[in-house]
Amino acid sequence: MLKRLNRLTLRPLLLVSMLNYQALSEETKAPQTPVPSKGHQGWFVGIRGAYVPSAILEVGYEFNSTFKLRLLGQWGRYYQSHSVDGQTYNHIRFQPGKVGLMADWHPWKNGFRLSGGIAYNADRIRLNHTVTNTLLGQPASVFGTIGAKYRFRVTAPYLGLGYDTGSLGDSGISLSADAGFWFQGRVRSSFILSGTGQTTPAMIELTKAHLENLLNKHKLIRTMPMASLGIRYLF
Protein backbone atom coordinates (compact mmCIF):
# COMPACT_ATOMS: atom_id res chain seq x y z
CA MET A 1 0.00 0.00 0.00
CA LEU A 2 2.83 2.38 0.90
CA LYS A 3 4.71 1.56 -2.29
CA ARG A 4 1.62 2.24 -4.38
CA LEU A 5 1.13 5.58 -2.63
CA ASN A 6 4.73 6.58 -3.33
CA ARG A 7 4.34 5.76 -7.01
CA LEU A 8 1.18 7.84 -7.23
CA THR A 9 2.95 10.77 -5.55
CA LEU A 10 6.17 10.62 -7.60
CA ARG A 11 4.57 10.34 -11.02
CA PRO A 12 3.03 13.87 -11.02
CA LEU A 13 6.30 15.30 -9.71
CA LEU A 14 8.28 13.62 -12.50
CA LEU A 15 5.75 14.84 -15.06
CA VAL A 16 6.01 18.45 -13.81
CA SER A 17 9.81 18.25 -13.85
CA MET A 18 9.82 16.96 -17.44
CA LEU A 19 7.48 19.74 -18.57
CA ASN A 20 9.65 22.39 -16.88
CA TYR A 21 12.80 20.98 -18.52
CA GLN A 22 11.13 20.95 -21.95
CA ALA A 23 9.95 24.57 -21.52
CA LEU A 24 13.42 25.66 -20.45
CA SER A 25 14.98 23.92 -23.45
CA GLU A 26 12.55 25.60 -25.87
CA GLU A 27 13.26 29.01 -24.30
CA THR A 28 16.99 28.43 -24.69
CA LYS A 29 16.59 27.47 -28.36
CA ALA A 30 14.33 30.44 -29.15
CA PRO A 31 16.12 33.08 -31.31
CA GLN A 32 17.12 36.19 -29.41
CA THR A 33 15.86 39.57 -30.65
CA PRO A 34 18.88 41.49 -31.99
CA VAL A 35 19.75 44.79 -30.33
CA PRO A 36 19.47 47.60 -32.87
CA SER A 37 22.80 49.29 -33.70
CA LYS A 38 23.88 52.42 -35.52
CA GLY A 39 24.45 51.55 -39.17
CA HIS A 40 25.78 53.36 -42.22
CA GLN A 41 22.51 55.12 -42.96
CA GLY A 42 20.49 58.00 -41.58
CA TRP A 43 20.44 61.68 -40.73
CA PHE A 44 23.19 63.39 -38.78
CA VAL A 45 23.98 66.85 -37.41
CA GLY A 46 27.37 68.28 -36.57
CA ILE A 47 29.37 71.28 -35.48
CA ARG A 48 33.02 72.05 -36.23
CA GLY A 49 35.66 74.68 -35.68
CA ALA A 50 37.74 75.85 -38.66
CA TYR A 51 41.34 76.98 -39.22
CA VAL A 52 39.94 80.23 -40.65
CA PRO A 53 38.40 81.40 -37.35
CA SER A 54 34.75 80.42 -37.76
CA ALA A 55 32.09 77.91 -36.73
CA ILE A 56 30.52 75.46 -39.16
CA LEU A 57 27.12 73.87 -38.61
CA GLU A 58 26.02 70.97 -40.79
CA VAL A 59 23.12 68.60 -41.33
CA GLY A 60 23.37 65.65 -43.67
CA TYR A 61 22.19 62.23 -44.73
CA GLU A 62 24.37 59.13 -44.88
CA PHE A 63 23.04 56.88 -47.64
CA ASN A 64 25.46 54.00 -47.05
CA SER A 65 29.11 53.34 -46.19
CA THR A 66 30.18 54.95 -49.48
CA PHE A 67 28.23 58.18 -49.99
CA LYS A 68 26.63 61.03 -48.04
CA LEU A 69 25.46 64.61 -48.56
CA ARG A 70 25.89 67.59 -46.20
CA LEU A 71 24.28 71.03 -46.05
CA LEU A 72 26.55 73.40 -44.15
CA GLY A 73 26.74 76.99 -42.98
CA GLN A 74 29.90 78.85 -41.95
CA TRP A 75 30.12 82.09 -39.93
CA GLY A 76 32.95 83.94 -38.23
CA ARG A 77 34.96 87.13 -37.77
CA TYR A 78 38.67 87.83 -37.43
CA TYR A 79 41.25 90.54 -38.16
CA GLN A 80 44.48 90.62 -40.18
CA SER A 81 47.08 93.12 -41.38
CA HIS A 82 48.39 93.37 -44.97
CA SER A 83 50.86 95.64 -46.75
CA VAL A 84 51.02 96.81 -50.37
CA ASP A 85 52.70 99.71 -52.19
CA GLY A 86 54.54 100.69 -49.01
CA GLN A 87 51.34 101.11 -46.96
CA THR A 88 50.39 98.78 -44.09
CA TYR A 89 46.69 98.24 -43.41
CA ASN A 90 46.00 97.06 -39.87
CA HIS A 91 42.88 95.47 -38.46
CA ILE A 92 41.32 94.45 -41.76
CA ARG A 93 38.08 92.74 -40.76
CA PHE A 94 37.31 89.39 -42.37
CA GLN A 95 33.82 87.89 -42.06
CA PRO A 96 33.58 84.35 -43.48
CA GLY A 97 30.05 83.42 -44.48
CA LYS A 98 29.00 80.50 -46.64
CA VAL A 99 25.99 78.23 -47.16
CA GLY A 100 26.75 75.21 -49.30
CA LEU A 101 26.10 71.62 -50.31
CA MET A 102 28.86 69.03 -49.93
CA ALA A 103 29.12 65.48 -51.28
CA ASP A 104 31.36 62.91 -49.54
CA TRP A 105 32.64 59.77 -51.27
CA HIS A 106 34.33 56.99 -49.28
CA PRO A 107 36.14 55.01 -52.03
CA TRP A 108 37.34 52.25 -49.68
CA LYS A 109 34.22 52.16 -47.50
CA ASN A 110 36.14 53.28 -44.44
CA GLY A 111 36.61 56.63 -42.70
CA PHE A 112 38.70 58.25 -45.46
CA ARG A 113 36.72 60.32 -47.99
CA LEU A 114 36.98 62.72 -50.89
CA SER A 115 34.73 65.77 -50.66
CA GLY A 116 33.50 68.30 -53.19
CA GLY A 117 30.77 70.90 -53.30
CA ILE A 118 29.69 74.44 -53.95
CA ALA A 119 28.51 77.26 -51.71
CA TYR A 120 26.86 80.65 -51.83
CA ASN A 121 29.77 82.88 -50.88
CA ALA A 122 28.85 85.67 -48.48
CA ASP A 123 32.44 86.33 -47.33
CA ARG A 124 32.95 90.04 -46.62
CA ILE A 125 36.08 92.09 -45.90
CA ARG A 126 36.18 95.66 -44.58
CA LEU A 127 38.90 98.15 -43.81
CA ASN A 128 39.05 101.70 -42.51
CA HIS A 129 42.47 103.28 -42.85
CA THR A 130 43.92 106.77 -42.56
CA VAL A 131 46.78 107.17 -45.03
CA THR A 132 50.10 108.36 -43.59
CA ASN A 133 53.11 109.75 -45.44
CA THR A 134 52.74 109.12 -49.18
CA LEU A 135 50.84 106.51 -51.18
CA LEU A 136 51.24 105.78 -54.90
CA GLY A 137 53.49 108.83 -55.15
CA GLN A 138 50.74 111.11 -53.80
CA PRO A 139 50.60 112.96 -50.46
CA ALA A 140 48.37 111.57 -47.71
CA SER A 141 45.93 114.49 -48.13
CA VAL A 142 44.89 113.15 -51.56
CA PHE A 143 43.46 110.00 -49.93
CA GLY A 144 42.62 111.06 -46.39
CA THR A 145 40.78 108.14 -44.81
CA ILE A 146 39.95 105.15 -47.02
CA GLY A 147 36.90 103.06 -46.24
CA ALA A 148 36.67 99.91 -48.38
CA LYS A 149 34.40 96.89 -48.70
CA TYR A 150 35.37 93.72 -50.53
CA ARG A 151 33.35 90.88 -51.98
CA PHE A 152 34.08 87.72 -53.92
CA ARG A 153 32.31 85.70 -56.59
CA VAL A 154 28.77 84.71 -55.57
CA THR A 155 29.57 80.98 -55.73
CA ALA A 156 32.66 79.20 -54.44
CA PRO A 157 33.51 75.58 -55.36
CA TYR A 158 35.19 73.34 -52.79
CA LEU A 159 37.55 70.39 -53.13
CA GLY A 160 39.20 68.49 -50.31
CA LEU A 161 39.53 65.29 -48.34
CA GLY A 162 38.58 64.19 -44.86
CA TYR A 163 38.15 61.44 -42.33
CA ASP A 164 35.16 60.32 -40.24
CA THR A 165 35.46 57.95 -37.31
CA GLY A 166 32.85 55.33 -36.65
CA SER A 167 30.31 55.67 -33.88
CA LEU A 168 31.96 55.88 -30.47
CA GLY A 169 30.45 52.82 -28.88
CA ASP A 170 26.72 52.72 -29.58
CA SER A 171 26.31 56.44 -28.83
CA GLY A 172 25.84 57.64 -32.42
CA ILE A 173 28.56 60.25 -31.80
CA SER A 174 31.54 60.39 -34.17
CA LEU A 175 34.49 62.67 -34.91
CA SER A 176 35.21 64.30 -38.26
CA ALA A 177 38.09 66.17 -39.95
CA ASP A 178 38.25 68.16 -43.20
CA ALA A 179 41.11 69.70 -45.21
CA GLY A 180 40.69 71.44 -48.55
CA PHE A 181 40.19 74.73 -50.38
CA TRP A 182 37.38 77.10 -51.30
CA PHE A 183 38.08 78.58 -54.74
CA GLN A 184 36.79 82.15 -54.31
CA GLY A 185 38.41 83.91 -57.26
CA ARG A 186 39.62 87.50 -57.39
CA VAL A 187 38.24 90.04 -54.97
CA ARG A 188 36.41 93.22 -56.00
CA SER A 189 36.20 96.42 -53.96
CA SER A 190 34.02 99.43 -53.40
CA PHE A 191 35.41 102.36 -51.42
CA ILE A 192 35.17 105.98 -50.37
CA LEU A 193 37.90 108.60 -49.89
CA SER A 194 37.80 111.62 -47.62
CA GLY A 195 40.76 113.38 -49.29
CA THR A 196 41.01 115.68 -52.29
CA GLY A 197 41.33 112.76 -54.73
CA GLN A 198 37.69 111.76 -54.29
CA THR A 199 36.67 114.04 -57.18
CA THR A 200 39.45 112.98 -59.55
CA PRO A 201 38.57 110.01 -61.83
CA ALA A 202 42.23 109.12 -62.37
CA MET A 203 42.86 108.94 -58.61
CA ILE A 204 39.71 106.88 -58.09
CA GLU A 205 40.87 104.29 -60.63
CA LEU A 206 44.36 104.25 -59.16
CA THR A 207 43.01 103.76 -55.65
CA LYS A 208 40.68 100.96 -56.79
CA ALA A 209 43.55 99.03 -58.39
CA HIS A 210 45.66 99.56 -55.26
CA LEU A 211 42.96 98.31 -52.89
CA GLU A 212 42.17 95.22 -54.93
CA ASN A 213 45.87 94.40 -55.26
CA LEU A 214 46.08 94.53 -51.47
CA LEU A 215 44.14 91.26 -51.25
CA ASN A 216 44.48 89.68 -54.70
CA LYS A 217 48.22 89.31 -54.26
CA HIS A 218 47.53 87.04 -51.26
CA LYS A 219 46.57 83.83 -53.06
CA LEU A 220 45.53 82.10 -49.83
CA ILE A 221 42.65 84.57 -49.68
CA ARG A 222 41.57 83.99 -53.27
CA THR A 223 41.97 80.24 -52.63
CA MET A 224 40.80 80.01 -49.04
CA PRO A 225 42.08 77.02 -47.03
CA MET A 226 39.48 75.10 -45.09
CA ALA A 227 40.76 72.83 -42.31
CA SER A 228 38.35 71.88 -39.54
CA LEU A 229 37.64 69.42 -36.74
CA GLY A 230 34.20 68.57 -35.48
CA ILE A 231 31.75 66.24 -33.83
CA ARG A 232 28.61 64.63 -35.27
CA TYR A 233 25.57 62.78 -34.03
CA LEU A 234 23.96 60.10 -36.22
CA PHE A 235 20.25 59.58 -35.52
C-alpha atoms as a PDB file:
ATOM      1  CA  MET A   1       0.000   0.000   0.000  1.00  0.00           C
ATOM      2  CA  LEU A   2       2.826   2.380   0.895  1.00  0.00           C
ATOM      3  CA  LYS A   3       4.711   1.556  -2.294  1.00  0.00           C
ATOM      4  CA  ARG A   4       1.625   2.241  -4.379  1.00  0.00           C
ATOM      5  CA  LEU A   5       1.125   5.578  -2.627  1.00  0.00           C
ATOM      6  CA  ASN A   6       4.733   6.580  -3.332  1.00  0.00           C
ATOM      7  CA  ARG A   7       4.340   5.758  -7.007  1.00  0.00           C
ATOM      8  CA  LEU A   8       1.183   7.842  -7.231  1.00  0.00           C
ATOM      9  CA  THR A   9       2.948  10.773  -5.552  1.00  0.00           C
ATOM     10  CA  LEU A  10       6.171  10.622  -7.598  1.00  0.00           C
ATOM     11  CA  ARG A  11       4.569  10.341 -11.021  1.00  0.00           C
ATOM     12  CA  PRO A  12       3.033  13.873 -11.017  1.00  0.00           C
ATOM     13  CA  LEU A  13       6.305  15.298  -9.706  1.00  0.00           C
ATOM     14  CA  LEU A  14       8.280  13.622 -12.496  1.00  0.00           C
ATOM     15  CA  LEU A  15       5.746  14.839 -15.064  1.00  0.00           C
ATOM     16  CA  VAL A  16       6.015  18.446 -13.811  1.00  0.00           C
ATOM     17  CA  SER A  17       9.811  18.246 -13.846  1.00  0.00           C
ATOM     18  CA  MET A  18       9.819  16.955 -17.444  1.00  0.00           C
ATOM     19  CA  LEU A  19       7.479  19.741 -18.573  1.00  0.00           C
ATOM     20  CA  ASN A  20       9.651  22.391 -16.880  1.00  0.00           C
ATOM     21  CA  TYR A  21      12.797  20.984 -18.523  1.00  0.00           C
ATOM     22  CA  GLN A  22      11.134  20.947 -21.949  1.00  0.00           C
ATOM     23  CA  ALA A  23       9.954  24.574 -21.524  1.00  0.00           C
ATOM     24  CA  LEU A  24      13.418  25.662 -20.447  1.00  0.00           C
ATOM     25  CA  SER A  25      14.976  23.923 -23.451  1.00  0.00           C
ATOM     26  CA  GLU A  26      12.546  25.595 -25.870  1.00  0.00           C
ATOM     27  CA  GLU A  27      13.264  29.009 -24.303  1.00  0.00           C
ATOM     28  CA  THR A  28      16.992  28.430 -24.689  1.00  0.00           C
ATOM     29  CA  LYS A  29      16.590  27.468 -28.355  1.00  0.00           C
ATOM     30  CA  ALA A  30      14.328  30.439 -29.154  1.00  0.00           C
ATOM     31  CA  PRO A  31      16.118  33.077 -31.308  1.00  0.00           C
ATOM     32  CA  GLN A  32      17.121  36.190 -29.405  1.00  0.00           C
ATOM     33  CA  THR A  33      15.860  39.573 -30.650  1.00  0.00           C
ATOM     34  CA  PRO A  34      18.879  41.490 -31.995  1.00  0.00           C
ATOM     35  CA  VAL A  35      19.751  44.789 -30.329  1.00  0.00           C
ATOM     36  CA  PRO A  36      19.471  47.599 -32.868  1.00  0.00           C
ATOM     37  CA  SER A  37      22.801  49.287 -33.700  1.00  0.00           C
ATOM     38  CA  LYS A  38      23.879  52.418 -35.518  1.00  0.00           C
ATOM     39  CA  GLY A  39      24.449  51.547 -39.171  1.00  0.00           C
ATOM     40  CA  HIS A  40      25.777  53.361 -42.223  1.00  0.00           C
ATOM     41  CA  GLN A  41      22.514  55.120 -42.963  1.00  0.00           C
ATOM     42  CA  GLY A  42      20.492  57.995 -41.579  1.00  0.00           C
ATOM     43  CA  TRP A  43      20.439  61.678 -40.730  1.00  0.00           C
ATOM     44  CA  PHE A  44      23.188  63.392 -38.781  1.00  0.00           C
ATOM     45  CA  VAL A  45      23.981  66.846 -37.406  1.00  0.00           C
ATOM     46  CA  GLY A  46      27.368  68.284 -36.575  1.00  0.00           C
ATOM     47  CA  ILE A  47      29.373  71.277 -35.477  1.00  0.00           C
ATOM     48  CA  ARG A  48      33.018  72.045 -36.233  1.00  0.00           C
ATOM     49  CA  GLY A  49      35.665  74.680 -35.683  1.00  0.00           C
ATOM     50  CA  ALA A  50      37.745  75.854 -38.656  1.00  0.00           C
ATOM     51  CA  TYR A  51      41.340  76.977 -39.224  1.00  0.00           C
ATOM     52  CA  VAL A  52      39.942  80.227 -40.651  1.00  0.00           C
ATOM     53  CA  PRO A  53      38.399  81.401 -37.353  1.00  0.00           C
ATOM     54  CA  SER A  54      34.751  80.421 -37.763  1.00  0.00           C
ATOM     55  CA  ALA A  55      32.094  77.914 -36.732  1.00  0.00           C
ATOM     56  CA  ILE A  56      30.517  75.459 -39.163  1.00  0.00           C
ATOM     57  CA  LEU A  57      27.118  73.870 -38.611  1.00  0.00           C
ATOM     58  CA  GLU A  58      26.015  70.965 -40.789  1.00  0.00           C
ATOM     59  CA  VAL A  59      23.124  68.596 -41.325  1.00  0.00           C
ATOM     60  CA  GLY A  60      23.371  65.654 -43.666  1.00  0.00           C
ATOM     61  CA  TYR A  61      22.194  62.233 -44.733  1.00  0.00           C
ATOM     62  CA  GLU A  62      24.372  59.129 -44.881  1.00  0.00           C
ATOM     63  CA  PHE A  63      23.036  56.877 -47.640  1.00  0.00           C
ATOM     64  CA  ASN A  64      25.460  53.997 -47.051  1.00  0.00           C
ATOM     65  CA  SER A  65      29.111  53.337 -46.194  1.00  0.00           C
ATOM     66  CA  THR A  66      30.180  54.952 -49.482  1.00  0.00           C
ATOM     67  CA  PHE A  67      28.228  58.183 -49.990  1.00  0.00           C
ATOM     68  CA  LYS A  68      26.627  61.026 -48.036  1.00  0.00           C
ATOM     69  CA  LEU A  69      25.456  64.612 -48.557  1.00  0.00           C
ATOM     70  CA  ARG A  70      25.886  67.589 -46.202  1.00  0.00           C
ATOM     71  CA  LEU A  71      24.281  71.026 -46.047  1.00  0.00           C
ATOM     72  CA  LEU A  72      26.549  73.402 -44.147  1.00  0.00           C
ATOM     73  CA  GLY A  73      26.741  76.994 -42.978  1.00  0.00           C
ATOM     74  CA  GLN A  74      29.901  78.852 -41.947  1.00  0.00           C
ATOM     75  CA  TRP A  75      30.117  82.093 -39.931  1.00  0.00           C
ATOM     76  CA  GLY A  76      32.947  83.943 -38.228  1.00  0.00           C
ATOM     77  CA  ARG A  77      34.961  87.134 -37.774  1.00  0.00           C
ATOM     78  CA  TYR A  78      38.671  87.828 -37.429  1.00  0.00           C
ATOM     79  CA  TYR A  79      41.251  90.542 -38.162  1.00  0.00           C
ATOM     80  CA  GLN A  80      44.482  90.618 -40.176  1.00  0.00           C
ATOM     81  CA  SER A  81      47.079  93.124 -41.382  1.00  0.00           C
ATOM     82  CA  HIS A  82      48.386  93.369 -44.973  1.00  0.00           C
ATOM     83  CA  SER A  83      50.855  95.643 -46.754  1.00  0.00           C
ATOM     84  CA  VAL A  84      51.021  96.805 -50.369  1.00  0.00           C
ATOM     85  CA  ASP A  85      52.704  99.712 -52.189  1.00  0.00           C
ATOM     86  CA  GLY A  86      54.545 100.689 -49.008  1.00  0.00           C
ATOM     87  CA  GLN A  87      51.341 101.105 -46.955  1.00  0.00           C
ATOM     88  CA  THR A  88      50.387  98.784 -44.094  1.00  0.00           C
ATOM     89  CA  TYR A  89      46.690  98.241 -43.406  1.00  0.00           C
ATOM     90  CA  ASN A  90      46.003  97.063 -39.869  1.00  0.00           C
ATOM     91  CA  HIS A  91      42.878  95.466 -38.457  1.00  0.00           C
ATOM     92  CA  ILE A  92      41.318  94.451 -41.759  1.00  0.00           C
ATOM     93  CA  ARG A  93      38.084  92.742 -40.761  1.00  0.00           C
ATOM     94  CA  PHE A  94      37.306  89.388 -42.371  1.00  0.00           C
ATOM     95  CA  GLN A  95      33.818  87.894 -42.062  1.00  0.00           C
ATOM     96  CA  PRO A  96      33.579  84.351 -43.484  1.00  0.00           C
ATOM     97  CA  GLY A  97      30.047  83.423 -44.479  1.00  0.00           C
ATOM     98  CA  LYS A  98      28.996  80.500 -46.645  1.00  0.00           C
ATOM     99  CA  VAL A  99      25.993  78.232 -47.163  1.00  0.00           C
ATOM    100  CA  GLY A 100      26.747  75.210 -49.303  1.00  0.00           C
ATOM    101  CA  LEU A 101      26.096  71.621 -50.309  1.00  0.00           C
ATOM    102  CA  MET A 102      28.858  69.033 -49.929  1.00  0.00           C
ATOM    103  CA  ALA A 103      29.121  65.476 -51.277  1.00  0.00           C
ATOM    104  CA  ASP A 104      31.365  62.914 -49.539  1.00  0.00           C
ATOM    105  CA  TRP A 105      32.643  59.770 -51.268  1.00  0.00           C
ATOM    106  CA  HIS A 106      34.328  56.986 -49.282  1.00  0.00           C
ATOM    107  CA  PRO A 107      36.145  55.007 -52.033  1.00  0.00           C
ATOM    108  CA  TRP A 108      37.340  52.246 -49.685  1.00  0.00           C
ATOM    109  CA  LYS A 109      34.221  52.163 -47.503  1.00  0.00           C
ATOM    110  CA  ASN A 110      36.143  53.276 -44.437  1.00  0.00           C
ATOM    111  CA  GLY A 111      36.614  56.634 -42.701  1.00  0.00           C
ATOM    112  CA  PHE A 112      38.699  58.250 -45.464  1.00  0.00           C
ATOM    113  CA  ARG A 113      36.724  60.320 -47.986  1.00  0.00           C
ATOM    114  CA  LEU A 114      36.980  62.717 -50.887  1.00  0.00           C
ATOM    115  CA  SER A 115      34.728  65.774 -50.661  1.00  0.00           C
ATOM    116  CA  GLY A 116      33.504  68.296 -53.193  1.00  0.00           C
ATOM    117  CA  GLY A 117      30.768  70.897 -53.301  1.00  0.00           C
ATOM    118  CA  ILE A 118      29.687  74.436 -53.953  1.00  0.00           C
ATOM    119  CA  ALA A 119      28.505  77.257 -51.708  1.00  0.00           C
ATOM    120  CA  TYR A 120      26.858  80.646 -51.832  1.00  0.00           C
ATOM    121  CA  ASN A 121      29.771  82.879 -50.875  1.00  0.00           C
ATOM    122  CA  ALA A 122      28.853  85.674 -48.479  1.00  0.00           C
ATOM    123  CA  ASP A 123      32.436  86.330 -47.335  1.00  0.00           C
ATOM    124  CA  ARG A 124      32.953  90.038 -46.623  1.00  0.00           C
ATOM    125  CA  ILE A 125      36.075  92.085 -45.899  1.00  0.00           C
ATOM    126  CA  ARG A 126      36.176  95.662 -44.584  1.00  0.00           C
ATOM    127  CA  LEU A 127      38.902  98.150 -43.805  1.00  0.00           C
ATOM    128  CA  ASN A 128      39.052 101.699 -42.509  1.00  0.00           C
ATOM    129  CA  HIS A 129      42.467 103.276 -42.852  1.00  0.00           C
ATOM    130  CA  THR A 130      43.917 106.766 -42.559  1.00  0.00           C
ATOM    131  CA  VAL A 131      46.781 107.170 -45.027  1.00  0.00           C
ATOM    132  CA  THR A 132      50.102 108.357 -43.592  1.00  0.00           C
ATOM    133  CA  ASN A 133      53.114 109.753 -45.439  1.00  0.00           C
ATOM    134  CA  THR A 134      52.739 109.122 -49.183  1.00  0.00           C
ATOM    135  CA  LEU A 135      50.837 106.508 -51.184  1.00  0.00           C
ATOM    136  CA  LEU A 136      51.241 105.782 -54.895  1.00  0.00           C
ATOM    137  CA  GLY A 137      53.488 108.834 -55.152  1.00  0.00           C
ATOM    138  CA  GLN A 138      50.743 111.108 -53.804  1.00  0.00           C
ATOM    139  CA  PRO A 139      50.599 112.958 -50.456  1.00  0.00           C
ATOM    140  CA  ALA A 140      48.366 111.566 -47.712  1.00  0.00           C
ATOM    141  CA  SER A 141      45.926 114.494 -48.131  1.00  0.00           C
ATOM    142  CA  VAL A 142      44.886 113.148 -51.558  1.00  0.00           C
ATOM    143  CA  PHE A 143      43.459 110.003 -49.929  1.00  0.00           C
ATOM    144  CA  GLY A 144      42.618 111.065 -46.392  1.00  0.00           C
ATOM    145  CA  THR A 145      40.777 108.145 -44.813  1.00  0.00           C
ATOM    146  CA  ILE A 146      39.954 105.151 -47.020  1.00  0.00           C
ATOM    147  CA  GLY A 147      36.897 103.058 -46.241  1.00  0.00           C
ATOM    148  CA  ALA A 148      36.668  99.914 -48.379  1.00  0.00           C
ATOM    149  CA  LYS A 149      34.403  96.888 -48.703  1.00  0.00           C
ATOM    150  CA  TYR A 150      35.373  93.716 -50.532  1.00  0.00           C
ATOM    151  CA  ARG A 151      33.349  90.877 -51.982  1.00  0.00           C
ATOM    152  CA  PHE A 152      34.078  87.716 -53.923  1.00  0.00           C
ATOM    153  CA  ARG A 153      32.305  85.700 -56.586  1.00  0.00           C
ATOM    154  CA  VAL A 154      28.768  84.706 -55.574  1.00  0.00           C
ATOM    155  CA  THR A 155      29.566  80.983 -55.735  1.00  0.00           C
ATOM    156  CA  ALA A 156      32.659  79.202 -54.443  1.00  0.00           C
ATOM    157  CA  PRO A 157      33.505  75.577 -55.363  1.00  0.00           C
ATOM    158  CA  TYR A 158      35.191  73.342 -52.787  1.00  0.00           C
ATOM    159  CA  LEU A 159      37.552  70.388 -53.134  1.00  0.00           C
ATOM    160  CA  GLY A 160      39.195  68.487 -50.312  1.00  0.00           C
ATOM    161  CA  LEU A 161      39.527  65.288 -48.339  1.00  0.00           C
ATOM    162  CA  GLY A 162      38.581  64.189 -44.863  1.00  0.00           C
ATOM    163  CA  TYR A 163      38.149  61.436 -42.327  1.00  0.00           C
ATOM    164  CA  ASP A 164      35.158  60.320 -40.239  1.00  0.00           C
ATOM    165  CA  THR A 165      35.464  57.952 -37.312  1.00  0.00           C
ATOM    166  CA  GLY A 166      32.848  55.332 -36.647  1.00  0.00           C
ATOM    167  CA  SER A 167      30.313  55.673 -33.875  1.00  0.00           C
ATOM    168  CA  LEU A 168      31.964  55.883 -30.467  1.00  0.00           C
ATOM    169  CA  GLY A 169      30.455  52.815 -28.879  1.00  0.00           C
ATOM    170  CA  ASP A 170      26.722  52.722 -29.581  1.00  0.00           C
ATOM    171  CA  SER A 171      26.314  56.440 -28.829  1.00  0.00           C
ATOM    172  CA  GLY A 172      25.842  57.640 -32.417  1.00  0.00           C
ATOM    173  CA  ILE A 173      28.564  60.250 -31.800  1.00  0.00           C
ATOM    174  CA  SER A 174      31.542  60.386 -34.170  1.00  0.00           C
ATOM    175  CA  LEU A 175      34.488  62.674 -34.909  1.00  0.00           C
ATOM    176  CA  SER A 176      35.208  64.301 -38.258  1.00  0.00           C
ATOM    177  CA  ALA A 177      38.087  66.168 -39.949  1.00  0.00           C
ATOM    178  CA  ASP A 178      38.252  68.160 -43.202  1.00  0.00           C
ATOM    179  CA  ALA A 179      41.108  69.696 -45.211  1.00  0.00           C
ATOM    180  CA  GLY A 180      40.687  71.436 -48.547  1.00  0.00           C
ATOM    181  CA  PHE A 181      40.191  74.728 -50.384  1.00  0.00           C
ATOM    182  CA  TRP A 182      37.384  77.105 -51.305  1.00  0.00           C
ATOM    183  CA  PHE A 183      38.084  78.584 -54.745  1.00  0.00           C
ATOM    184  CA  GLN A 184      36.788  82.149 -54.305  1.00  0.00           C
ATOM    185  CA  GLY A 185      38.413  83.913 -57.256  1.00  0.00           C
ATOM    186  CA  ARG A 186      39.623  87.502 -57.390  1.00  0.00           C
ATOM    187  CA  VAL A 187      38.244  90.043 -54.966  1.00  0.00           C
ATOM    188  CA  ARG A 188      36.412  93.220 -55.998  1.00  0.00           C
ATOM    189  CA  SER A 189      36.201  96.415 -53.964  1.00  0.00           C
ATOM    190  CA  SER A 190      34.018  99.427 -53.399  1.00  0.00           C
ATOM    191  CA  PHE A 191      35.411 102.364 -51.423  1.00  0.00           C
ATOM    192  CA  ILE A 192      35.169 105.977 -50.368  1.00  0.00           C
ATOM    193  CA  LEU A 193      37.901 108.604 -49.885  1.00  0.00           C
ATOM    194  CA  SER A 194      37.802 111.615 -47.621  1.00  0.00           C
ATOM    195  CA  GLY A 195      40.757 113.378 -49.295  1.00  0.00           C
ATOM    196  CA  THR A 196      41.013 115.680 -52.288  1.00  0.00           C
ATOM    197  CA  GLY A 197      41.327 112.759 -54.733  1.00  0.00           C
ATOM    198  CA  GLN A 198      37.690 111.757 -54.289  1.00  0.00           C
ATOM    199  CA  THR A 199      36.665 114.040 -57.182  1.00  0.00           C
ATOM    200  CA  THR A 200      39.455 112.985 -59.550  1.00  0.00           C
ATOM    201  CA  PRO A 201      38.570 110.009 -61.832  1.00  0.00           C
ATOM    202  CA  ALA A 202      42.230 109.117 -62.367  1.00  0.00           C
ATOM    203  CA  MET A 203      42.857 108.935 -58.607  1.00  0.00           C
ATOM    204  CA  ILE A 204      39.713 106.881 -58.086  1.00  0.00           C
ATOM    205  CA  GLU A 205      40.867 104.289 -60.632  1.00  0.00           C
ATOM    206  CA  LEU A 206      44.365 104.245 -59.158  1.00  0.00           C
ATOM    207  CA  THR A 207      43.007 103.755 -55.648  1.00  0.00           C
ATOM    208  CA  LYS A 208      40.681 100.963 -56.787  1.00  0.00           C
ATOM    209  CA  ALA A 209      43.555  99.028 -58.389  1.00  0.00           C
ATOM    210  CA  HIS A 210      45.663  99.558 -55.255  1.00  0.00           C
ATOM    211  CA  LEU A 211      42.964  98.312 -52.886  1.00  0.00           C
ATOM    212  CA  GLU A 212      42.174  95.219 -54.928  1.00  0.00           C
ATOM    213  CA  ASN A 213      45.868  94.401 -55.258  1.00  0.00           C
ATOM    214  CA  LEU A 214      46.078  94.534 -51.467  1.00  0.00           C
ATOM    215  CA  LEU A 215      44.143  91.260 -51.248  1.00  0.00           C
ATOM    216  CA  ASN A 216      44.480  89.677 -54.700  1.00  0.00           C
ATOM    217  CA  LYS A 217      48.222  89.312 -54.256  1.00  0.00           C
ATOM    218  CA  HIS A 218      47.528  87.041 -51.261  1.00  0.00           C
ATOM    219  CA  LYS A 219      46.569  83.831 -53.059  1.00  0.00           C
ATOM    220  CA  LEU A 220      45.532  82.103 -49.834  1.00  0.00           C
ATOM    221  CA  ILE A 221      42.647  84.573 -49.678  1.00  0.00           C
ATOM    222  CA  ARG A 222      41.571  83.986 -53.266  1.00  0.00           C
ATOM    223  CA  THR A 223      41.970  80.238 -52.629  1.00  0.00           C
ATOM    224  CA  MET A 224      40.795  80.013 -49.036  1.00  0.00           C
ATOM    225  CA  PRO A 225      42.084  77.019 -47.031  1.00  0.00           C
ATOM    226  CA  MET A 226      39.476  75.102 -45.086  1.00  0.00           C
ATOM    227  CA  ALA A 227      40.756  72.828 -42.314  1.00  0.00           C
ATOM    228  CA  SER A 228      38.352  71.880 -39.537  1.00  0.00           C
ATOM    229  CA  LEU A 229      37.639  69.418 -36.742  1.00  0.00           C
ATOM    230  CA  GLY A 230      34.203  68.572 -35.478  1.00  0.00           C
ATOM    231  CA  ILE A 231      31.750  66.240 -33.834  1.00  0.00           C
ATOM    232  CA  ARG A 232      28.611  64.634 -35.268  1.00  0.00           C
ATOM    233  CA  TYR A 233      25.570  62.783 -34.034  1.00  0.00           C
ATOM    234  CA  LEU A 234      23.960  60.103 -36.222  1.00  0.00           C
ATOM    235  CA  PHE A 235      20.251  59.584 -35.521  1.00  0.00           C
END
